[in-house]
């Protein structure tokens, strides 16, 4: 008999920031596992390119322009997703931005507020709408669901000149822990994923910095950057029945960097 808990056929997944990087890596894996997938992103051209990649996997997919820095955008976007697919079984709050300051003494202003709005407010309101939907479903006799926040390894370590970004990532771990406790009664599980050094647009400058590569990437036991598609497996696991008793966890996907 085949072990089937990883089969996502009939499930619907939403991935914010799903048009590139880690988000697209997760979205592709979810689609390959049989899920219908909607991605949110702010760049319509990137959405279109991502959608072309996702359609190759044979499930229903959709891309929507949603800026998660605004609460009202998330509410309307989530309602539109429900209208499109009828339900949402798993939500990956992945959308994120960062700054790279010259010093902590320079942090502030509109750029800092943008990081807070996207990385923290965006996660809170996205997962709030997901939990609202999943609670209604549970009360109608259809319990279950998985909500996931994409945090960062930086939430656990000192990150000089990047304190605003890492503050948001530490905060979303606390958010998912609170959801895990409050919504387990509805069959909902909440976890966070903490990626290490992954090749994405956010890390593009570091990827070209030989000093950074020598001093930081050399500490990764694999001696290389992680790839976005290497986050696909954990996404499928958390969306599937294989993780139905896995709740309130912060899962490191860092190639062993934090252990060296």
C-alpha atoms as a PDB file:
ATOM      1  CA  UNK A   1       0.000   0.000   0.000  1.00  0.00           C
ATOM      2  CA  UNK A   2       1.338   3.436  -0.965  1.00  0.00           C
ATOM      3  CA  UNK A   3       1.867   6.032   1.762  1.00  0.00           C
ATOM      4  CA  UNK A   4      -0.261   8.968   0.600  1.00  0.00           C
ATOM      5  CA  UNK A   5      -0.282  11.740   3.228  1.00  0.00           C
ATOM      6  CA  UNK A   6       1.923  13.918   1.020  1.00  0.00           C
ATOM      7  CA  UNK A   7      -0.626  13.861  -1.801  1.00  0.00           C
ATOM      8  CA  UNK A   8      -2.183  17.351  -2.029  1.00  0.00           C
ATOM      9  CA  UNK A   9      -4.787  16.537  -4.659  1.00  0.00           C
ATOM     10  CA  UNK A  10      -7.959  18.484  -3.960  1.00  0.00           C
ATOM     11  CA  UNK A  11      -6.163  20.932  -1.656  1.00  0.00           C
ATOM     12  CA  UNK A  12      -5.744  24.676  -2.242  1.00  0.00           C
ATOM     13  CA  UNK A  13      -2.624  26.564  -1.208  1.00  0.00           C
ATOM     14  CA  UNK A  14      -1.960  30.303  -1.113  1.00  0.00           C
ATOM     15  CA  UNK A  15       1.616  31.619  -1.228  1.00  0.00           C
ATOM     16  CA  UNK A  16       2.262  35.328  -0.739  1.00  0.00           C
ATOM     17  CA  UNK A  17       5.374  36.595  -2.439  1.00  0.00           C
ATOM     18  CA  UNK A  18       4.976  33.537  -4.632  1.00  0.00           C
ATOM     19  CA  UNK A  19       6.253  35.000  -7.885  1.00  0.00           C
ATOM     20  CA  UNK A  20       9.952  34.452  -7.178  1.00  0.00           C
ATOM     21  CA  UNK A  21      12.590  33.144  -4.819  1.00  0.00           C
ATOM     22  CA  UNK A  22      11.519  30.976  -1.902  1.00  0.00           C
ATOM     23  CA  UNK A  23       7.837  31.642  -2.573  1.00  0.00           C
ATOM     24  CA  UNK A  24       7.985  30.323  -6.115  1.00  0.00           C
ATOM     25  CA  UNK A  25      10.092  27.369  -4.997  1.00  0.00           C
ATOM     26  CA  UNK A  26       7.386  26.435  -2.520  1.00  0.00           C
ATOM     27  CA  UNK A  27       4.535  27.107  -4.958  1.00  0.00           C
ATOM     28  CA  UNK A  28       6.060  24.830  -7.596  1.00  0.00           C
ATOM     29  CA  UNK A  29       6.491  21.997  -5.110  1.00  0.00           C
ATOM     30  CA  UNK A  30       2.919  22.392  -3.883  1.00  0.00           C
ATOM     31  CA  UNK A  31       1.607  22.240  -7.447  1.00  0.00           C
ATOM     32  CA  UNK A  32       3.754  19.207  -8.236  1.00  0.00           C
ATOM     33  CA  UNK A  33       2.263  17.481  -5.179  1.00  0.00           C
ATOM     34  CA  UNK A  34      -1.217  18.030  -6.646  1.00  0.00           C
ATOM     35  CA  UNK A  35      -2.397  21.227  -4.954  1.00  0.00           C
ATOM     36  CA  UNK A  36      -4.210  24.049  -6.662  1.00  0.00           C
ATOM     37  CA  UNK A  37      -2.117  27.144  -6.001  1.00  0.00           C
ATOM     38  CA  UNK A  38      -2.650  30.885  -5.911  1.00  0.00           C
ATOM     39  CA  UNK A  39       0.332  33.199  -5.662  1.00  0.00           C
ATOM     40  CA  UNK A  40       0.326  36.841  -4.625  1.00  0.00           C
ATOM     41  CA  UNK A  41       2.907  39.385  -5.702  1.00  0.00           C
ATOM     42  CA  UNK A  42       3.136  43.087  -6.402  1.00  0.00           C
ATOM     43  CA  UNK A  43       4.861  42.826  -9.794  1.00  0.00           C
ATOM     44  CA  UNK A  44       2.410  41.846 -12.525  1.00  0.00           C
ATOM     45  CA  UNK A  45       5.160  40.799 -14.963  1.00  0.00           C
ATOM     46  CA  UNK A  46       6.799  38.523 -12.392  1.00  0.00           C
ATOM     47  CA  UNK A  47       3.378  37.097 -11.585  1.00  0.00           C
ATOM     48  CA  UNK A  48       2.862  36.243 -15.240  1.00  0.00           C
ATOM     49  CA  UNK A  49       6.243  34.546 -15.559  1.00  0.00           C
ATOM     50  CA  UNK A  50       5.676  32.578 -12.358  1.00  0.00           C
ATOM     51  CA  UNK A  51       2.235  31.512 -13.529  1.00  0.00           C
ATOM     52  CA  UNK A  52       3.725  30.164 -16.754  1.00  0.00           C
ATOM     53  CA  UNK A  53       6.061  27.976 -14.698  1.00  0.00           C
ATOM     54  CA  UNK A  54       3.269  26.787 -12.415  1.00  0.00           C
ATOM     55  CA  UNK A  55       0.843  25.857 -15.191  1.00  0.00           C
ATOM     56  CA  UNK A  56       3.273  23.158 -16.357  1.00  0.00           C
ATOM     57  CA  UNK A  57       2.386  21.034 -13.345  1.00  0.00           C
ATOM     58  CA  UNK A  58      -1.215  20.426 -14.413  1.00  0.00           C
ATOM     59  CA  UNK A  59      -3.157  21.802 -11.449  1.00  0.00           C
ATOM     60  CA  UNK A  60      -5.336  24.889 -11.252  1.00  0.00           C
ATOM     61  CA  UNK A  61      -3.166  27.937 -10.587  1.00  0.00           C
ATOM     62  CA  UNK A  62      -3.742  31.661 -10.367  1.00  0.00           C
ATOM     63  CA  UNK A  63      -1.688  34.793  -9.750  1.00  0.00           C
ATOM     64  CA  UNK A  64      -3.023  37.950  -8.144  1.00  0.00           C
ATOM     65  CA  UNK A  65      -1.494  41.400  -7.615  1.00  0.00           C
ATOM     66  CA  UNK A  66      -1.709  42.012  -3.861  1.00  0.00           C
ATOM     67  CA  UNK A  67       0.430  44.392  -1.810  1.00  0.00           C
ATOM     68  CA  UNK A  68       0.350  42.896   1.676  1.00  0.00           C
ATOM     69  CA  UNK A  69       1.571  46.091   3.330  1.00  0.00           C
ATOM     70  CA  UNK A  70      -2.080  47.228   3.449  1.00  0.00           C
ATOM     71  CA  UNK A  71      -4.674  45.380   5.537  1.00  0.00           C
ATOM     72  CA  UNK A  72      -7.505  46.160   3.132  1.00  0.00           C
ATOM     73  CA  UNK A  73      -5.537  44.649   0.222  1.00  0.00           C
ATOM     74  CA  UNK A  74      -5.167  41.394   2.106  1.00  0.00           C
ATOM     75  CA  UNK A  75      -8.838  41.207   3.021  1.00  0.00           C
ATOM     76  CA  UNK A  76      -9.985  41.833  -0.536  1.00  0.00           C
ATOM     77  CA  UNK A  77      -7.280  39.553  -1.946  1.00  0.00           C
ATOM     78  CA  UNK A  78      -8.206  36.671   0.330  1.00  0.00           C
ATOM     79  CA  UNK A  79     -11.889  37.043  -0.480  1.00  0.00           C
ATOM     80  CA  UNK A  80     -11.023  36.996  -4.177  1.00  0.00           C
ATOM     81  CA  UNK A  81      -8.953  33.841  -3.675  1.00  0.00           C
ATOM     82  CA  UNK A  82     -11.912  32.166  -1.965  1.00  0.00           C
ATOM     83  CA  UNK A  83     -14.174  33.230  -4.821  1.00  0.00           C
ATOM     84  CA  UNK A  84     -11.705  31.706  -7.283  1.00  0.00           C
ATOM     85  CA  UNK A  85     -11.030  28.397  -5.521  1.00  0.00           C
ATOM     86  CA  UNK A  86     -13.876  27.963  -3.020  1.00  0.00           C
ATOM     87  CA  UNK A  87     -11.567  27.205  -0.100  1.00  0.00           C
ATOM     88  CA  UNK A  88      -7.986  27.554   1.117  1.00  0.00           C
ATOM     89  CA  UNK A  89      -6.322  24.678   2.966  1.00  0.00           C
ATOM     90  CA  UNK A  90      -2.839  26.062   3.519  1.00  0.00           C
ATOM     91  CA  UNK A  91      -1.405  29.566   3.567  1.00  0.00           C
ATOM     92  CA  UNK A  92       2.275  30.470   3.345  1.00  0.00           C
ATOM     93  CA  UNK A  93       2.874  34.064   4.421  1.00  0.00           C
ATOM     94  CA  UNK A  94       6.159  34.489   2.611  1.00  0.00           C
ATOM     95  CA  UNK A  95       6.132  38.023   1.171  1.00  0.00           C
ATOM     96  CA  UNK A  96       9.027  40.046   2.542  1.00  0.00           C
ATOM     97  CA  UNK A  97      11.358  42.963   1.912  1.00  0.00           C
ATOM     98  CA  UNK A  98      14.559  44.152   3.567  1.00  0.00           C
ATOM     99  CA  UNK A  99      16.895  47.104   3.889  1.00  0.00           C
ATOM    100  CA  UNK A 100      20.652  47.057   4.255  1.00  0.00           C
ATOM    101  CA  UNK A 101      21.654  49.962   6.446  1.00  0.00           C
ATOM    102  CA  UNK A 102      25.174  51.342   6.869  1.00  0.00           C
ATOM    103  CA  UNK A 103      24.617  51.257  10.617  1.00  0.00           C
ATOM    104  CA  UNK A 104      21.897  50.609  13.174  1.00  0.00           C
ATOM    105  CA  UNK A 105      22.181  54.343  13.866  1.00  0.00           C
ATOM    106  CA  UNK A 106      20.664  55.034  10.441  1.00  0.00           C
ATOM    107  CA  UNK A 107      17.537  52.903  10.868  1.00  0.00           C
ATOM    108  CA  UNK A 108      14.221  54.729  10.667  1.00  0.00           C
ATOM    109  CA  UNK A 109      11.802  56.554   8.434  1.00  0.00           C
ATOM    110  CA  UNK A 110       9.652  55.310   5.588  1.00  0.00           C
ATOM    111  CA  UNK A 111      12.029  52.519   4.552  1.00  0.00           C
ATOM    112  CA  UNK A 112      11.897  50.953   7.994  1.00  0.00           C
ATOM    113  CA  UNK A 113       8.114  51.324   8.165  1.00  0.00           C
ATOM    114  CA  UNK A 114       7.816  49.550   4.797  1.00  0.00           C
ATOM    115  CA  UNK A 115       9.724  46.546   6.185  1.00  0.00           C
ATOM    116  CA  UNK A 116       7.450  46.438   9.212  1.00  0.00           C
ATOM    117  CA  UNK A 117       4.307  46.775   7.091  1.00  0.00           C
ATOM    118  CA  UNK A 118       5.191  43.999   4.649  1.00  0.00           C
ATOM    119  CA  UNK A 119       7.037  41.544   6.884  1.00  0.00           C
ATOM    120  CA  UNK A 120       5.001  41.802  10.078  1.00  0.00           C
ATOM    121  CA  UNK A 121       1.644  43.458   9.372  1.00  0.00           C
ATOM    122  CA  UNK A 122       1.392  41.496   6.126  1.00  0.00           C
ATOM    123  CA  UNK A 123       1.941  38.190   7.900  1.00  0.00           C
ATOM    124  CA  UNK A 124      -0.456  39.002  10.738  1.00  0.00           C
ATOM    125  CA  UNK A 125      -3.324  40.017   8.480  1.00  0.00           C
ATOM    126  CA  UNK A 126      -2.747  37.237   5.942  1.00  0.00           C
ATOM    127  CA  UNK A 127      -2.791  34.580   8.644  1.00  0.00           C
ATOM    128  CA  UNK A 128      -5.717  36.271  10.377  1.00  0.00           C
ATOM    129  CA  UNK A 129      -7.840  35.967   7.251  1.00  0.00           C
ATOM    130  CA  UNK A 130      -6.729  32.364   6.817  1.00  0.00           C
ATOM    131  CA  UNK A 131      -7.666  31.501  10.404  1.00  0.00           C
ATOM    132  CA  UNK A 132     -11.016  33.260  10.051  1.00  0.00           C
ATOM    133  CA  UNK A 133     -11.814  31.123   7.000  1.00  0.00           C
ATOM    134  CA  UNK A 134     -10.570  27.902   8.611  1.00  0.00           C
ATOM    135  CA  UNK A 135     -12.561  28.550  11.795  1.00  0.00           C
ATOM    136  CA  UNK A 136     -15.778  28.986   9.782  1.00  0.00           C
ATOM    137  CA  UNK A 137     -15.040  25.762   7.932  1.00  0.00           C
ATOM    138  CA  UNK A 138     -14.396  23.910  11.177  1.00  0.00           C
ATOM    139  CA  UNK A 139     -17.646  25.132  12.696  1.00  0.00           C
ATOM    140  CA  UNK A 140     -19.405  23.818   9.594  1.00  0.00           C
ATOM    141  CA  UNK A 141     -17.914  20.371  10.153  1.00  0.00           C
ATOM    142  CA  UNK A 142     -14.790  20.668   8.002  1.00  0.00           C
ATOM    143  CA  UNK A 143     -11.895  21.213  10.446  1.00  0.00           C
ATOM    144  CA  UNK A 144      -8.237  21.501   9.538  1.00  0.00           C
ATOM    145  CA  UNK A 145      -5.768  23.711   7.783  1.00  0.00           C
ATOM    146  CA  UNK A 146      -2.168  24.826   7.902  1.00  0.00           C
ATOM    147  CA  UNK A 147      -0.815  28.354   8.248  1.00  0.00           C
ATOM    148  CA  UNK A 148       2.880  29.038   7.851  1.00  0.00           C
ATOM    149  CA  UNK A 149       4.987  32.169   8.276  1.00  0.00           C
ATOM    150  CA  UNK A 150       8.337  32.370   6.522  1.00  0.00           C
ATOM    151  CA  UNK A 151      10.682  33.865   9.108  1.00  0.00           C
ATOM    152  CA  UNK A 152      14.484  33.739   8.903  1.00  0.00           C
ATOM    153  CA  UNK A 153      17.555  32.281  10.521  1.00  0.00           C
ATOM    154  CA  UNK A 154      18.318  35.935  11.287  1.00  0.00           C
ATOM    155  CA  UNK A 155      15.576  35.879  13.916  1.00  0.00           C
ATOM    156  CA  UNK A 156      17.859  33.769  16.114  1.00  0.00           C
ATOM    157  CA  UNK A 157      21.218  35.478  15.591  1.00  0.00           C
ATOM    158  CA  UNK A 158      22.631  38.977  15.630  1.00  0.00           C
ATOM    159  CA  UNK A 159      22.365  40.607  12.207  1.00  0.00           C
ATOM    160  CA  UNK A 160      24.291  43.857  12.143  1.00  0.00           C
ATOM    161  CA  UNK A 161      22.773  46.684  10.084  1.00  0.00           C
ATOM    162  CA  UNK A 162      19.633  44.639   9.520  1.00  0.00           C
ATOM    163  CA  UNK A 163      17.843  44.882  12.857  1.00  0.00           C
ATOM    164  CA  UNK A 164      14.522  46.038  11.432  1.00  0.00           C
ATOM    165  CA  UNK A 165      14.277  42.999   9.152  1.00  0.00           C
ATOM    166  CA  UNK A 166      15.264  40.482  11.818  1.00  0.00           C
ATOM    167  CA  UNK A 167      12.898  42.083  14.324  1.00  0.00           C
ATOM    168  CA  UNK A 168       9.991  41.311  12.000  1.00  0.00           C
ATOM    169  CA  UNK A 169      11.156  37.746  11.543  1.00  0.00           C
ATOM    170  CA  UNK A 170      11.427  37.146  15.279  1.00  0.00           C
ATOM    171  CA  UNK A 171       7.960  38.638  15.713  1.00  0.00           C
ATOM    172  CA  UNK A 172       6.274  36.353  13.187  1.00  0.00           C
ATOM    173  CA  UNK A 173       7.576  33.323  15.064  1.00  0.00           C
ATOM    174  CA  UNK A 174       5.683  34.624  18.099  1.00  0.00           C
ATOM    175  CA  UNK A 175       2.607  35.193  15.936  1.00  0.00           C
ATOM    176  CA  UNK A 176       2.562  31.597  14.686  1.00  0.00           C
ATOM    177  CA  UNK A 177       3.121  30.254  18.204  1.00  0.00           C
ATOM    178  CA  UNK A 178       0.053  32.156  19.389  1.00  0.00           C
ATOM    179  CA  UNK A 179      -2.031  30.904  16.486  1.00  0.00           C
ATOM    180  CA  UNK A 180      -0.873  27.347  17.196  1.00  0.00           C
ATOM    181  CA  UNK A 181      -2.300  27.546  20.706  1.00  0.00           C
ATOM    182  CA  UNK A 182      -5.511  29.398  19.872  1.00  0.00           C
ATOM    183  CA  UNK A 183      -6.629  27.593  16.724  1.00  0.00           C
ATOM    184  CA  UNK A 184      -5.622  23.976  17.352  1.00  0.00           C
ATOM    185  CA  UNK A 185      -9.190  23.418  18.600  1.00  0.00           C
ATOM    186  CA  UNK A 186     -10.314  23.975  15.004  1.00  0.00           C
ATOM    187  CA  UNK A 187      -7.785  21.504  13.626  1.00  0.00           C
ATOM    188  CA  UNK A 188      -5.535  24.319  12.402  1.00  0.00           C
ATOM    189  CA  UNK A 189      -1.777  24.004  12.817  1.00  0.00           C
ATOM    190  CA  UNK A 190       0.611  26.959  12.687  1.00  0.00           C
ATOM    191  CA  UNK A 191       4.359  26.819  12.145  1.00  0.00           C
ATOM    192  CA  UNK A 192       7.161  29.010  10.926  1.00  0.00           C
ATOM    193  CA  UNK A 193       9.982  28.232   8.499  1.00  0.00           C
ATOM    194  CA  UNK A 194      13.409  29.776   9.104  1.00  0.00           C
ATOM    195  CA  UNK A 195      15.461  29.733   5.892  1.00  0.00           C
ATOM    196  CA  UNK A 196      19.197  30.228   6.086  1.00  0.00           C
ATOM    197  CA  UNK A 197      21.289  31.725   3.288  1.00  0.00           C
ATOM    198  CA  UNK A 198      19.219  31.138   0.144  1.00  0.00           C
ATOM    199  CA  UNK A 199      19.830  32.483  -3.366  1.00  0.00           C
ATOM    200  CA  UNK A 200      17.035  35.068  -3.770  1.00  0.00           C
ATOM    201  CA  UNK A 201      16.666  38.692  -4.832  1.00  0.00           C
ATOM    202  CA  UNK A 202      16.990  39.753  -1.180  1.00  0.00           C
ATOM    203  CA  UNK A 203      20.454  38.175  -0.954  1.00  0.00           C
ATOM    204  CA  UNK A 204      21.577  39.286  -4.437  1.00  0.00           C
ATOM    205  CA  UNK A 205      24.194  41.769  -3.186  1.00  0.00           C
ATOM    206  CA  UNK A 206      25.692  39.249  -0.769  1.00  0.00           C
ATOM    207  CA  UNK A 207      25.918  36.683  -3.557  1.00  0.00           C
ATOM    208  CA  UNK A 208      28.357  39.017  -5.343  1.00  0.00           C
ATOM    209  CA  UNK A 209      30.381  39.839  -2.230  1.00  0.00           C
ATOM    210  CA  UNK A 210      33.513  37.696  -2.066  1.00  0.00           C
ATOM    211  CA  UNK A 211      34.236  38.708   1.531  1.00  0.00           C
ATOM    212  CA  UNK A 212      30.748  37.647   2.590  1.00  0.00           C
ATOM    213  CA  UNK A 213      31.057  34.352   0.738  1.00  0.00           C
ATOM    214  CA  UNK A 214      34.433  33.662   2.350  1.00  0.00           C
ATOM    215  CA  UNK A 215      33.346  34.537   5.874  1.00  0.00           C
ATOM    216  CA  UNK A 216      29.717  33.401   5.920  1.00  0.00           C
ATOM    217  CA  UNK A 217      28.891  30.894   3.181  1.00  0.00           C
ATOM    218  CA  UNK A 218      32.071  29.014   4.069  1.00  0.00           C
ATOM    219  CA  UNK A 219      30.395  28.277   7.420  1.00  0.00           C
ATOM    220  CA  UNK A 220      27.547  26.419   5.734  1.00  0.00           C
ATOM    221  CA  UNK A 221      28.551  22.744   6.016  1.00  0.00           C
ATOM    222  CA  UNK A 222      27.583  22.257   2.358  1.00  0.00           C
ATOM    223  CA  UNK A 223      29.812  25.247   1.437  1.00  0.00           C
ATOM    224  CA  UNK A 224      27.169  26.730  -0.829  1.00  0.00           C
ATOM    225  CA  UNK A 225      24.031  28.852  -0.937  1.00  0.00           C
ATOM    226  CA  UNK A 226      20.685  27.159  -0.578  1.00  0.00           C
ATOM    227  CA  UNK A 227      18.317  27.146  -3.545  1.00  0.00           C
ATOM    228  CA  UNK A 228      14.666  28.264  -3.433  1.00  0.00           C
ATOM    229  CA  UNK A 229      13.426  24.883  -4.602  1.00  0.00           C
ATOM    230  CA  UNK A 230      15.046  23.319  -1.529  1.00  0.00           C
ATOM    231  CA  UNK A 231      12.253  24.900   0.523  1.00  0.00           C
ATOM    232  CA  UNK A 232       9.673  22.972  -1.514  1.00  0.00           C
ATOM    233  CA  UNK A 233       9.799  19.822   0.560  1.00  0.00           C
ATOM    234  CA  UNK A 234       9.018  21.528   3.846  1.00  0.00           C
ATOM    235  CA  UNK A 235       6.142  23.403   2.178  1.00  0.00           C
ATOM    236  CA  UNK A 236       4.570  20.181   0.913  1.00  0.00           C
ATOM    237  CA  UNK A 237       5.048  18.544   4.306  1.00  0.00           C
ATOM    238  CA  UNK A 238       3.395  21.419   6.187  1.00  0.00           C
ATOM    239  CA  UNK A 239       0.497  21.548   3.712  1.00  0.00           C
ATOM    240  CA  UNK A 240      -0.090  17.807   3.921  1.00  0.00           C
ATOM    241  CA  UNK A 241      -1.632  15.341   6.344  1.00  0.00           C
ATOM    242  CA  UNK A 242       1.875  14.153   7.171  1.00  0.00           C
ATOM    243  CA  UNK A 243       2.184  17.198   9.466  1.00  0.00           C
ATOM    244  CA  UNK A 244      -1.272  17.087  11.028  1.00  0.00           C
ATOM    245  CA  UNK A 245       0.148  16.878  14.600  1.00  0.00           C
ATOM    246  CA  UNK A 246       3.086  19.230  13.940  1.00  0.00           C
ATOM    247  CA  UNK A 247       2.114  22.524  15.544  1.00  0.00           C
ATOM    248  CA  UNK A 248       3.836  25.559  17.021  1.00  0.00           C
ATOM    249  CA  UNK A 249       7.282  24.785  15.628  1.00  0.00           C
ATOM    250  CA  UNK A 250      10.039  26.921  14.090  1.00  0.00           C
ATOM    251  CA  UNK A 251      11.739  24.820  11.442  1.00  0.00           C
ATOM    252  CA  UNK A 252      15.287  25.674  10.347  1.00  0.00           C
ATOM    253  CA  UNK A 253      16.184  25.040   6.715  1.00  0.00           C
ATOM    254  CA  UNK A 254      19.750  26.337   6.709  1.00  0.00           C
ATOM    255  CA  UNK A 255      21.994  23.526   5.494  1.00  0.00           C
ATOM    256  CA  UNK A 256      23.401  23.186   9.007  1.00  0.00           C
ATOM    257  CA  UNK A 257      24.746  26.746   9.179  1.00  0.00           C
ATOM    258  CA  UNK A 258      23.421  27.274  12.705  1.00  0.00           C
ATOM    259  CA  UNK A 259      25.202  24.139  13.955  1.00  0.00           C
ATOM    260  CA  UNK A 260      28.706  24.982  12.741  1.00  0.00           C
END
